[in-house]
């Protein structure tokens, strides 16, 4: 399934959610996205630290 098809399916599903529940769905999506961003940032920091280490440091 292509990216645009998946987005389209998600939008269709969102339209089926009752209006009084949309704020909960929005909160969940934001929480999920921020978690992904946080994980990505933590991985990038980890790899930057590892790249900064010299091989001689591992022998100690």
C-alpha atoms as a PDB file:
ATOM      1  CA  UNK A   1       0.000   0.000   0.000  1.00  0.00           C
ATOM      2  CA  UNK A   2       1.392   3.371  -0.976  1.00  0.00           C
ATOM      3  CA  UNK A   3       1.891   6.300   1.363  1.00  0.00           C
ATOM      4  CA  UNK A   4      -0.940   8.338  -0.135  1.00  0.00           C
ATOM      5  CA  UNK A   5      -3.320   5.356   0.041  1.00  0.00           C
ATOM      6  CA  UNK A   6      -2.500   4.821   3.696  1.00  0.00           C
ATOM      7  CA  UNK A   7      -3.051   8.493   4.509  1.00  0.00           C
ATOM      8  CA  UNK A   8      -6.350   8.369   2.662  1.00  0.00           C
ATOM      9  CA  UNK A   9      -7.470   5.316   4.650  1.00  0.00           C
ATOM     10  CA  UNK A  10      -6.520   7.051   7.908  1.00  0.00           C
ATOM     11  CA  UNK A  11      -8.502  10.151   7.002  1.00  0.00           C
ATOM     12  CA  UNK A  12     -11.545   8.017   6.134  1.00  0.00           C
ATOM     13  CA  UNK A  13     -11.298   6.254   9.496  1.00  0.00           C
ATOM     14  CA  UNK A  14     -11.008   9.570  11.323  1.00  0.00           C
ATOM     15  CA  UNK A  15     -14.221  10.775   9.663  1.00  0.00           C
ATOM     16  CA  UNK A  16     -15.987   7.745  11.156  1.00  0.00           C
ATOM     17  CA  UNK A  17     -15.014   8.712  14.712  1.00  0.00           C
ATOM     18  CA  UNK A  18     -17.697  10.589  16.664  1.00  0.00           C
ATOM     19  CA  UNK A  19     -16.919  14.291  17.084  1.00  0.00           C
ATOM     20  CA  UNK A  20     -16.944  14.058  20.873  1.00  0.00           C
ATOM     21  CA  UNK A  21     -14.028  11.576  20.697  1.00  0.00           C
ATOM     22  CA  UNK A  22     -11.836  13.478  18.245  1.00  0.00           C
ATOM     23  CA  UNK A  23      -9.965  15.340  20.965  1.00  0.00           C
ATOM     24  CA  UNK A  24      -8.871  11.994  22.454  1.00  0.00           C
ATOM     25  CA  UNK A  25      -7.726  10.754  19.053  1.00  0.00           C
ATOM     26  CA  UNK A  26      -5.833  13.988  18.481  1.00  0.00           C
ATOM     27  CA  UNK A  27      -4.097  13.672  21.857  1.00  0.00           C
ATOM     28  CA  UNK A  28      -3.135  10.086  21.104  1.00  0.00           C
ATOM     29  CA  UNK A  29      -1.716  10.950  17.678  1.00  0.00           C
ATOM     30  CA  UNK A  30       0.325  13.831  19.113  1.00  0.00           C
ATOM     31  CA  UNK A  31       1.590  11.661  21.968  1.00  0.00           C
ATOM     32  CA  UNK A  32       2.565   8.917  19.509  1.00  0.00           C
ATOM     33  CA  UNK A  33       4.337  11.323  17.128  1.00  0.00           C
ATOM     34  CA  UNK A  34       6.247  13.034  19.927  1.00  0.00           C
ATOM     35  CA  UNK A  35       7.362   9.644  21.224  1.00  0.00           C
ATOM     36  CA  UNK A  36       8.735   8.780  17.791  1.00  0.00           C
ATOM     37  CA  UNK A  37      10.539  12.117  17.576  1.00  0.00           C
ATOM     38  CA  UNK A  38      11.986  11.672  21.062  1.00  0.00           C
ATOM     39  CA  UNK A  39      13.208   8.169  20.221  1.00  0.00           C
ATOM     40  CA  UNK A  40      14.776   9.404  16.983  1.00  0.00           C
ATOM     41  CA  UNK A  41      16.523  12.259  18.818  1.00  0.00           C
ATOM     42  CA  UNK A  42      17.839   9.908  21.515  1.00  0.00           C
ATOM     43  CA  UNK A  43      19.214   7.525  18.876  1.00  0.00           C
ATOM     44  CA  UNK A  44      20.903  10.411  17.040  1.00  0.00           C
ATOM     45  CA  UNK A  45      22.519  11.601  20.280  1.00  0.00           C
ATOM     46  CA  UNK A  46      23.685   8.080  21.066  1.00  0.00           C
ATOM     47  CA  UNK A  47      25.288   7.643  17.645  1.00  0.00           C
ATOM     48  CA  UNK A  48      26.942  11.056  17.878  1.00  0.00           C
ATOM     49  CA  UNK A  49      28.513  10.028  21.202  1.00  0.00           C
ATOM     50  CA  UNK A  50      29.634   6.686  19.787  1.00  0.00           C
ATOM     51  CA  UNK A  51      31.108   8.329  16.681  1.00  0.00           C
ATOM     52  CA  UNK A  52      33.012  10.726  18.936  1.00  0.00           C
ATOM     53  CA  UNK A  53      34.740   7.912  20.815  1.00  0.00           C
ATOM     54  CA  UNK A  54      38.144   6.802  19.691  1.00  0.00           C
ATOM     55  CA  UNK A  55      38.947   3.129  19.276  1.00  0.00           C
ATOM     56  CA  UNK A  56      41.691   3.486  21.880  1.00  0.00           C
ATOM     57  CA  UNK A  57      39.025   4.391  24.449  1.00  0.00           C
ATOM     58  CA  UNK A  58      37.457   0.947  23.989  1.00  0.00           C
ATOM     59  CA  UNK A  59      40.731  -0.807  24.891  1.00  0.00           C
ATOM     60  CA  UNK A  60      40.890   0.840  28.314  1.00  0.00           C
END
